[in-house]
Amino acid sequence: MSNKNNIKYQISFLPWLRIDEEISIGPVKFISYEKFKKLNDFPQTIYDWLDKYFSRYHCVDLEGNLIKMPTEFITICYVKEPDLRPRDREDRELIWNVTKALYFAFVCNDLLNLSKSGEIENAQIFELFFQNFDPDNNFIAFGNSSITFRDSVSFLKPPSLHFFNNITFNNFDQDTLKAFDLLIKSNDNKLKNRIFRSLQWFWLCHIWRDYFSDLIKIVMMATAFEILLNFPNRASKKKFFADKLNEKISTSEFKKKKRRINKKEYSYFLAGWWGWDFYHLRNKIVHGDKIDEGELIYIEKEPDENGYWHNPLIITYLMVADAIFCELILRELYELEFKMSIKFNILFNILHEKLEWIESKKNIPGFKIETDVYGYDKE
């Protein structure tokens, strides 16, 4: 089973993610390590090596003690067959893309609800590793170097994650998983490239969220929008972004506003003006202009006439960027999986109401809609 680089075996895995059953997106499968072992009859030396290797993964409790991660908390991913062959570049890229899609399906509903960054699961729980190994020796390879099992080395779970994460299949949005499955299987390579390259920047924004400032994350999300919407290489990108949001999100229900900029009058729905202002903020950041903290806030709400405090009270440009990015991705996807549109159109309307882009349906006489916790109309 050797290849030209003398790599005998390779395993791809997510050490901080536990799933309770197999998940498939296209040809990529995710399964617990314990279940993976039951799919194959590899020599016992392979499992002995992997057991020793995974025993090096630990988390730290509140008292600073190392706790070994149970092997059932480790998720294995593979393409087509549950083997241990070294992956070529195409397979590795596919696994990376599907892992990002899995994270998106996990957090999209929270982001549409304008949850703050600290209220949603850190993308590090979906951190992916490829480990080369040879069961005939005790070395663990790291790039051009290696350690042995005799060395006292542990791989620590990031402190921003919970001690143990047990994620069930129902934690993922099922329609989104189905739509990504259709996307992977489609022949539209341009669409796949746009979506997965933009998800790369969305992923980076969330996997290092505790280390990057909001200014850096705004630039990352702007890059995600540029790729997803195929921005042209021209000067007026603020106008292009506003035009796209007018086209892809806004409807006749949306509030409109006029502005006079450089002696020219522009008219956009409020979604378009958010895009204009967000990209203007991005430009100020990359050009090194001074950014006041208040410039990062999009809406700061006051209690209503009945004294009710809105949730969230403060909506930042970054929170809106996350939500609108999710909406744009989902609108692309549910062209592949049309059944998504019923549920998500309700969620989109709730989002647009929170952003005050449309009038609240609650204020319209005679209008009533009841939904269950997932956003579907009640029977």
Protein backbone atom coordinates (compact mmCIF):
# COMPACT_ATOMS: atom_id res chain seq x y z
CA MET A 1 0.00 0.00 0.00
CA SER A 2 2.97 2.30 -0.40
CA ASN A 3 2.97 5.33 -2.64
CA LYS A 4 5.76 7.32 -4.24
CA ASN A 5 6.27 9.29 -1.00
CA ASN A 6 6.58 6.06 1.01
CA ILE A 7 3.47 6.89 3.00
CA LYS A 8 1.86 3.61 3.99
CA TYR A 9 -1.35 4.79 5.60
CA GLN A 10 -3.24 7.99 6.23
CA ILE A 11 -6.25 8.74 8.39
CA SER A 12 -8.38 11.90 8.20
CA PHE A 13 -10.29 12.82 11.34
CA LEU A 14 -11.91 15.50 13.49
CA PRO A 15 -10.58 15.00 17.04
CA TRP A 16 -12.98 17.36 18.83
CA LEU A 17 -16.24 16.30 17.18
CA ARG A 18 -18.45 13.44 18.27
CA ILE A 19 -21.40 12.49 16.08
CA ASP A 20 -23.89 9.82 17.05
CA GLU A 21 -24.45 8.35 13.58
CA GLU A 22 -22.96 8.35 10.09
CA ILE A 23 -23.36 11.53 8.02
CA SER A 24 -22.85 11.52 4.25
CA ILE A 25 -22.43 14.49 1.90
CA GLY A 26 -21.65 13.33 -1.62
CA PRO A 27 -19.04 10.57 -1.41
CA VAL A 28 -17.65 11.84 1.92
CA LYS A 29 -18.66 9.96 5.08
CA PHE A 30 -18.29 10.97 8.74
CA ILE A 31 -18.40 8.24 11.38
CA SER A 32 -17.12 7.67 14.91
CA TYR A 33 -13.75 5.97 15.29
CA GLU A 34 -15.29 3.05 17.20
CA LYS A 35 -17.78 2.39 14.39
CA PHE A 36 -15.06 2.87 11.78
CA LYS A 37 -13.06 0.03 13.32
CA LYS A 38 -16.01 -2.31 12.81
CA LEU A 39 -16.14 -1.58 9.07
CA ASN A 40 -12.70 -3.07 8.35
CA ASP A 41 -10.59 -6.05 9.22
CA PHE A 42 -7.23 -4.29 9.17
CA PRO A 43 -4.37 -6.00 11.00
CA GLN A 44 -4.47 -5.45 14.75
CA THR A 45 -1.15 -3.56 14.55
CA ILE A 46 -2.95 -0.75 12.71
CA TYR A 47 -5.59 -0.39 15.39
CA ASP A 48 -2.96 -0.62 18.12
CA TRP A 49 -1.06 2.29 16.52
CA LEU A 50 -4.23 4.37 16.09
CA ASP A 51 -5.39 3.65 19.65
CA LYS A 52 -2.04 4.85 21.01
CA TYR A 53 -2.12 7.89 18.76
CA PHE A 54 -5.66 8.95 19.69
CA SER A 55 -4.87 8.43 23.38
CA ARG A 56 -2.62 11.51 23.05
CA TYR A 57 -5.66 13.77 22.50
CA HIS A 58 -6.69 15.49 25.73
CA CYS A 59 -8.80 18.29 27.09
CA VAL A 60 -8.06 20.26 30.25
CA ASP A 61 -10.58 20.49 33.08
CA LEU A 62 -11.24 23.57 35.21
CA GLU A 63 -8.52 22.54 37.64
CA GLY A 64 -5.90 22.19 34.92
CA ASN A 65 -5.90 18.39 34.81
CA LEU A 66 -5.44 16.50 31.54
CA ILE A 67 -8.42 14.32 30.60
CA LYS A 68 -8.02 11.80 27.80
CA MET A 69 -10.55 12.18 25.00
CA PRO A 70 -12.59 8.96 24.69
CA THR A 71 -12.03 7.42 21.27
CA GLU A 72 -15.78 7.47 20.58
CA PHE A 73 -15.50 11.28 20.65
CA ILE A 74 -13.24 11.20 17.58
CA THR A 75 -14.83 11.35 14.13
CA ILE A 76 -13.24 9.69 11.10
CA CYS A 77 -13.95 10.94 7.58
CA TYR A 78 -13.25 9.13 4.33
CA VAL A 79 -14.17 9.20 0.64
CA LYS A 80 -16.26 6.35 -0.78
CA GLU A 81 -14.57 3.39 0.94
CA PRO A 82 -13.58 3.25 4.64
CA ASP A 83 -9.94 2.57 3.91
CA LEU A 84 -6.68 4.17 5.02
CA ARG A 85 -5.10 4.93 1.69
CA PRO A 86 -3.19 8.23 1.37
CA ARG A 87 -5.50 10.82 -0.16
CA ASP A 88 -4.61 12.66 -3.31
CA ARG A 89 -5.06 16.43 -3.59
CA GLU A 90 -8.55 16.12 -5.08
CA ASP A 91 -9.82 13.92 -2.24
CA ARG A 92 -8.25 16.12 0.43
CA GLU A 93 -9.86 19.23 -1.06
CA LEU A 94 -13.22 17.44 -1.23
CA ILE A 95 -13.00 16.41 2.44
CA TRP A 96 -12.05 19.97 3.44
CA ASN A 97 -14.97 21.44 1.47
CA VAL A 98 -17.50 19.01 2.91
CA THR A 99 -16.24 19.67 6.46
CA LYS A 100 -16.89 23.40 5.95
CA ALA A 101 -20.36 22.56 4.61
CA LEU A 102 -20.99 20.48 7.72
CA TYR A 103 -20.08 23.43 9.95
CA PHE A 104 -22.31 25.75 7.91
CA ALA A 105 -25.27 23.35 8.30
CA PHE A 106 -24.59 23.33 12.04
CA VAL A 107 -24.61 27.10 12.63
CA CYS A 108 -26.72 28.63 9.82
CA ASN A 109 -29.96 28.81 11.83
CA ASP A 110 -28.19 30.49 14.77
CA LEU A 111 -26.56 33.04 12.48
CA LEU A 112 -29.86 33.82 10.78
CA ASN A 113 -31.19 34.49 14.27
CA LEU A 114 -28.43 37.11 14.71
CA SER A 115 -26.68 35.17 17.46
CA LYS A 116 -23.48 36.81 18.64
CA SER A 117 -20.17 35.15 17.77
CA GLY A 118 -19.67 33.85 21.31
CA GLU A 119 -23.14 32.26 21.35
CA ILE A 120 -22.53 29.84 18.48
CA GLU A 121 -20.22 26.84 18.36
CA ASN A 122 -16.63 27.66 17.50
CA ALA A 123 -15.56 26.29 14.11
CA GLN A 124 -12.59 24.65 15.81
CA ILE A 125 -14.88 21.80 16.83
CA PHE A 126 -14.83 20.91 13.09
CA GLU A 127 -11.04 21.15 12.84
CA LEU A 128 -9.77 18.54 10.36
CA PHE A 129 -6.47 16.67 10.41
CA PHE A 130 -4.72 14.28 8.02
CA GLN A 131 -2.24 11.97 9.76
CA ASN A 132 0.27 9.78 7.90
CA PHE A 133 1.50 6.73 9.77
CA ASP A 134 3.28 3.40 9.59
CA PRO A 135 2.12 0.84 12.18
CA ASP A 136 5.54 -0.84 12.05
CA ASN A 137 7.23 2.02 13.90
CA ASN A 138 6.50 4.29 16.86
CA PHE A 139 6.95 7.61 15.09
CA ILE A 140 4.25 10.27 14.70
CA ALA A 141 5.03 12.40 11.66
CA PHE A 142 4.69 16.21 11.73
CA GLY A 143 5.64 17.78 8.42
CA ASN A 144 9.39 17.25 8.09
CA SER A 145 9.84 16.16 11.71
CA SER A 146 8.45 13.51 14.03
CA ILE A 147 8.08 12.43 17.64
CA THR A 148 7.80 8.97 19.19
CA PHE A 149 5.18 7.54 21.48
CA ARG A 150 7.82 7.58 24.20
CA ASP A 151 7.83 11.39 24.11
CA SER A 152 5.48 13.05 26.62
CA VAL A 153 3.46 14.97 24.04
CA SER A 154 -0.27 15.63 24.19
CA PHE A 155 -2.57 17.25 21.66
CA LEU A 156 -4.81 19.62 23.60
CA LYS A 157 -8.36 20.55 22.82
CA PRO A 158 -8.67 24.33 22.31
CA PRO A 159 -9.80 25.97 25.57
CA SER A 160 -12.62 27.80 23.78
CA LEU A 161 -14.42 24.47 23.21
CA HIS A 162 -16.49 22.57 25.74
CA PHE A 163 -14.92 19.58 27.49
CA PHE A 164 -16.85 17.07 25.40
CA ASN A 165 -19.09 17.75 22.42
CA ASN A 166 -21.76 15.21 21.62
CA ILE A 167 -23.52 16.33 18.45
CA THR A 168 -26.52 14.44 17.19
CA PHE A 169 -27.66 14.23 13.60
CA ASN A 170 -30.56 16.56 14.45
CA ASN A 171 -28.11 19.35 15.40
CA PHE A 172 -27.50 19.83 11.67
CA ASP A 173 -30.04 21.47 9.40
CA GLN A 174 -31.25 18.50 7.39
CA ASP A 175 -32.36 20.44 4.31
CA THR A 176 -28.99 22.18 4.13
CA LEU A 177 -27.17 18.83 4.31
CA LYS A 178 -29.34 17.51 1.46
CA ALA A 179 -28.69 20.62 -0.62
CA PHE A 180 -24.91 20.37 -0.12
CA ASP A 181 -25.15 16.70 -1.11
CA LEU A 182 -26.85 17.75 -4.37
CA LEU A 183 -24.24 20.48 -4.89
CA ILE A 184 -21.35 18.02 -4.52
CA LYS A 185 -23.00 15.64 -6.97
CA SER A 186 -23.80 18.35 -9.52
CA ASN A 187 -21.72 19.13 -12.60
CA ASP A 188 -21.82 22.89 -12.00
CA ASN A 189 -18.15 23.33 -11.13
CA LYS A 190 -18.34 27.14 -11.24
CA LEU A 191 -21.10 27.18 -8.63
CA LYS A 192 -19.24 24.67 -6.45
CA ASN A 193 -16.05 26.70 -6.71
CA ARG A 194 -17.80 29.97 -5.75
CA ILE A 195 -19.61 28.47 -2.76
CA PHE A 196 -16.73 26.47 -1.31
CA ARG A 197 -14.10 29.18 -1.83
CA SER A 198 -16.38 31.69 -0.09
CA LEU A 199 -17.02 29.17 2.71
CA GLN A 200 -13.25 29.00 3.21
CA TRP A 201 -13.21 32.66 4.30
CA PHE A 202 -16.37 32.23 6.39
CA TRP A 203 -14.66 29.25 8.07
CA LEU A 204 -11.46 31.21 8.75
CA CYS A 205 -13.48 34.03 10.27
CA HIS A 206 -15.06 31.60 12.74
CA ILE A 207 -12.27 29.12 13.46
CA TRP A 208 -9.93 31.90 14.68
CA ARG A 209 -12.64 34.16 16.08
CA ASP A 210 -11.03 34.31 19.54
CA TYR A 211 -7.72 35.48 18.05
CA PHE A 212 -8.84 37.97 15.39
CA SER A 213 -10.32 41.40 16.00
CA ASP A 214 -13.70 42.32 14.53
CA LEU A 215 -11.87 44.53 12.02
CA ILE A 216 -9.99 41.54 10.58
CA LYS A 217 -13.17 39.46 10.56
CA ILE A 218 -15.01 42.18 8.62
CA VAL A 219 -12.31 42.05 5.93
CA MET A 220 -12.56 38.23 5.86
CA MET A 221 -16.34 38.32 5.44
CA ALA A 222 -16.02 40.99 2.73
CA THR A 223 -13.70 38.60 0.87
CA ALA A 224 -16.28 35.82 1.30
CA PHE A 225 -18.93 38.07 -0.29
CA GLU A 226 -16.57 39.04 -3.13
CA ILE A 227 -16.06 35.38 -4.07
CA LEU A 228 -19.67 34.29 -3.60
CA LEU A 229 -21.10 37.17 -5.65
CA ASN A 230 -18.25 37.17 -8.18
CA PHE A 231 -17.30 40.83 -7.68
CA PRO A 232 -15.81 42.42 -10.80
CA ASN A 233 -12.37 43.99 -10.68
CA ARG A 234 -13.55 47.57 -10.79
CA ALA A 235 -13.53 50.62 -8.56
CA SER A 236 -17.18 50.89 -7.46
CA LYS A 237 -17.48 47.68 -5.44
CA LYS A 238 -19.74 49.34 -2.87
CA LYS A 239 -22.28 50.02 -5.61
CA PHE A 240 -21.91 46.50 -7.02
CA PHE A 241 -22.56 44.98 -3.58
CA ALA A 242 -25.60 47.21 -3.03
CA ASP A 243 -26.94 46.30 -6.48
CA LYS A 244 -26.52 42.57 -5.77
CA LEU A 245 -28.32 42.74 -2.43
CA ASN A 246 -31.11 44.74 -4.06
CA GLU A 247 -31.38 41.98 -6.65
CA LYS A 248 -30.95 38.83 -4.55
CA ILE A 249 -32.56 39.72 -1.20
CA SER A 250 -34.81 42.77 -1.48
CA THR A 251 -38.48 42.60 -2.46
CA SER A 252 -41.22 45.20 -2.85
CA GLU A 253 -41.85 44.85 0.91
CA PHE A 254 -38.46 46.34 1.71
CA LYS A 255 -38.08 49.93 2.85
CA LYS A 256 -36.30 52.23 0.41
CA LYS A 257 -34.03 55.16 1.02
CA LYS A 258 -32.33 57.81 -1.13
CA ARG A 259 -28.90 59.29 -0.54
CA ARG A 260 -26.92 61.94 -2.31
CA ILE A 261 -23.26 60.95 -2.66
CA ASN A 262 -20.72 63.03 -4.59
CA LYS A 263 -23.50 65.12 -6.15
CA LYS A 264 -25.23 61.97 -7.41
CA GLU A 265 -28.47 60.56 -6.04
CA TYR A 266 -28.77 56.83 -5.30
CA SER A 267 -31.86 54.89 -4.29
CA TYR A 268 -31.63 51.46 -2.67
CA PHE A 269 -33.62 49.19 -0.45
CA LEU A 270 -32.19 49.13 3.08
CA ALA A 271 -30.49 45.78 2.41
CA GLY A 272 -28.58 47.44 -0.43
CA TRP A 273 -27.55 50.34 1.80
CA TRP A 274 -26.28 47.89 4.43
CA GLY A 275 -24.06 46.36 1.71
CA TRP A 276 -22.82 49.81 0.65
CA ASP A 277 -21.98 50.79 4.23
CA PHE A 278 -20.41 47.41 5.09
CA TYR A 279 -18.09 47.62 2.11
CA HIS A 280 -17.27 51.24 2.93
CA LEU A 281 -16.29 50.06 6.43
CA ARG A 282 -14.15 47.33 4.87
CA ASN A 283 -12.38 49.92 2.71
CA LYS A 284 -11.62 52.11 5.72
CA ILE A 285 -10.10 49.12 7.53
CA VAL A 286 -7.82 48.00 4.69
CA HIS A 287 -6.69 51.59 4.02
CA GLY A 288 -5.66 52.05 7.65
CA ASP A 289 -8.25 54.69 8.56
CA LYS A 290 -9.19 55.21 12.20
CA ILE A 291 -12.28 53.17 13.12
CA ASP A 292 -14.32 54.20 16.14
CA GLU A 293 -16.02 51.42 18.10
CA GLY A 294 -19.43 52.91 17.33
CA GLU A 295 -18.84 52.49 13.59
CA LEU A 296 -19.00 48.69 14.04
CA ILE A 297 -22.60 48.93 15.30
CA TYR A 298 -25.37 48.74 12.71
CA ILE A 299 -28.42 49.04 14.99
CA GLU A 300 -28.69 49.84 18.69
CA LYS A 301 -32.26 49.21 19.79
CA GLU A 302 -34.24 50.96 22.50
CA PRO A 303 -37.16 49.42 24.42
CA ASP A 304 -40.49 49.71 22.59
CA GLU A 305 -43.53 51.64 23.80
CA ASN A 306 -44.43 48.75 26.12
CA GLY A 307 -40.97 48.72 27.70
CA TYR A 308 -40.00 45.50 25.91
CA TRP A 309 -36.26 45.13 25.25
CA HIS A 310 -35.47 43.70 21.85
CA ASN A 311 -33.12 40.76 21.47
CA PRO A 312 -30.45 41.40 20.41
CA LEU A 313 -30.14 44.94 21.74
CA ILE A 314 -27.06 45.72 19.66
CA ILE A 315 -26.65 44.39 16.13
CA THR A 316 -23.18 44.84 14.66
CA TYR A 317 -22.18 44.95 11.00
CA LEU A 318 -20.37 41.66 11.54
CA MET A 319 -23.50 39.93 12.90
CA VAL A 320 -25.43 41.12 9.85
CA ALA A 321 -22.62 39.97 7.55
CA ASP A 322 -22.81 36.44 9.01
CA ALA A 323 -26.59 36.34 8.62
CA ILE A 324 -26.69 37.77 5.08
CA PHE A 325 -23.86 35.47 3.96
CA CYS A 326 -25.92 32.53 5.24
CA GLU A 327 -29.00 33.81 3.44
CA LEU A 328 -27.14 34.20 0.14
CA ILE A 329 -25.60 30.71 0.41
CA LEU A 330 -28.98 29.18 1.26
CA ARG A 331 -30.70 30.96 -1.63
CA GLU A 332 -28.10 29.45 -3.98
CA LEU A 333 -28.58 26.02 -2.42
CA TYR A 334 -32.34 25.87 -2.37
CA GLU A 335 -32.39 26.32 -6.11
CA LEU A 336 -31.05 22.76 -5.91
CA GLU A 337 -33.34 21.68 -3.05
CA PHE A 338 -36.55 23.67 -3.51
CA LYS A 339 -38.25 22.31 -0.36
CA MET A 340 -35.83 24.42 1.68
CA SER A 341 -37.51 27.61 0.50
CA ILE A 342 -40.65 27.32 2.67
CA LYS A 343 -38.83 27.09 5.97
CA PHE A 344 -36.01 29.48 5.18
CA ASN A 345 -38.23 32.16 3.67
CA ILE A 346 -39.89 32.38 7.08
CA LEU A 347 -36.48 32.67 8.76
CA PHE A 348 -35.38 35.27 6.20
CA ASN A 349 -38.49 37.37 6.90
CA ILE A 350 -37.86 37.21 10.65
CA LEU A 351 -34.25 38.30 10.04
CA HIS A 352 -35.33 41.21 7.82
CA GLU A 353 -37.83 42.33 10.46
CA LYS A 354 -35.11 42.32 13.15
CA LEU A 355 -32.93 44.42 10.85
CA GLU A 356 -35.89 46.79 10.32
CA TRP A 357 -35.63 46.34 6.55
CA ILE A 358 -39.32 45.41 6.35
CA GLU A 359 -42.31 46.23 8.53
CA SER A 360 -43.04 43.67 11.22
CA LYS A 361 -45.89 41.36 10.19
CA LYS A 362 -47.12 41.60 13.79
CA ASN A 363 -48.15 45.20 13.10
CA ILE A 364 -50.34 44.32 10.12
CA PRO A 365 -54.04 44.00 11.12
CA GLY A 366 -55.42 40.52 10.51
CA PHE A 367 -51.99 38.97 9.87
CA LYS A 368 -51.18 35.91 11.93
CA ILE A 369 -48.65 33.13 11.43
CA GLU A 370 -47.78 30.39 13.84
CA THR A 371 -44.58 28.42 13.46
CA ASP A 372 -42.99 25.60 15.37
CA VAL A 373 -39.46 25.86 16.77
CA TYR A 374 -37.96 24.93 13.42
CA GLY A 375 -39.78 27.67 11.51
CA TYR A 376 -42.28 25.44 9.70
CA ASP A 377 -45.95 26.49 9.53
CA LYS A 378 -48.06 24.61 12.04
CA GLU A 379 -50.69 22.30 10.61
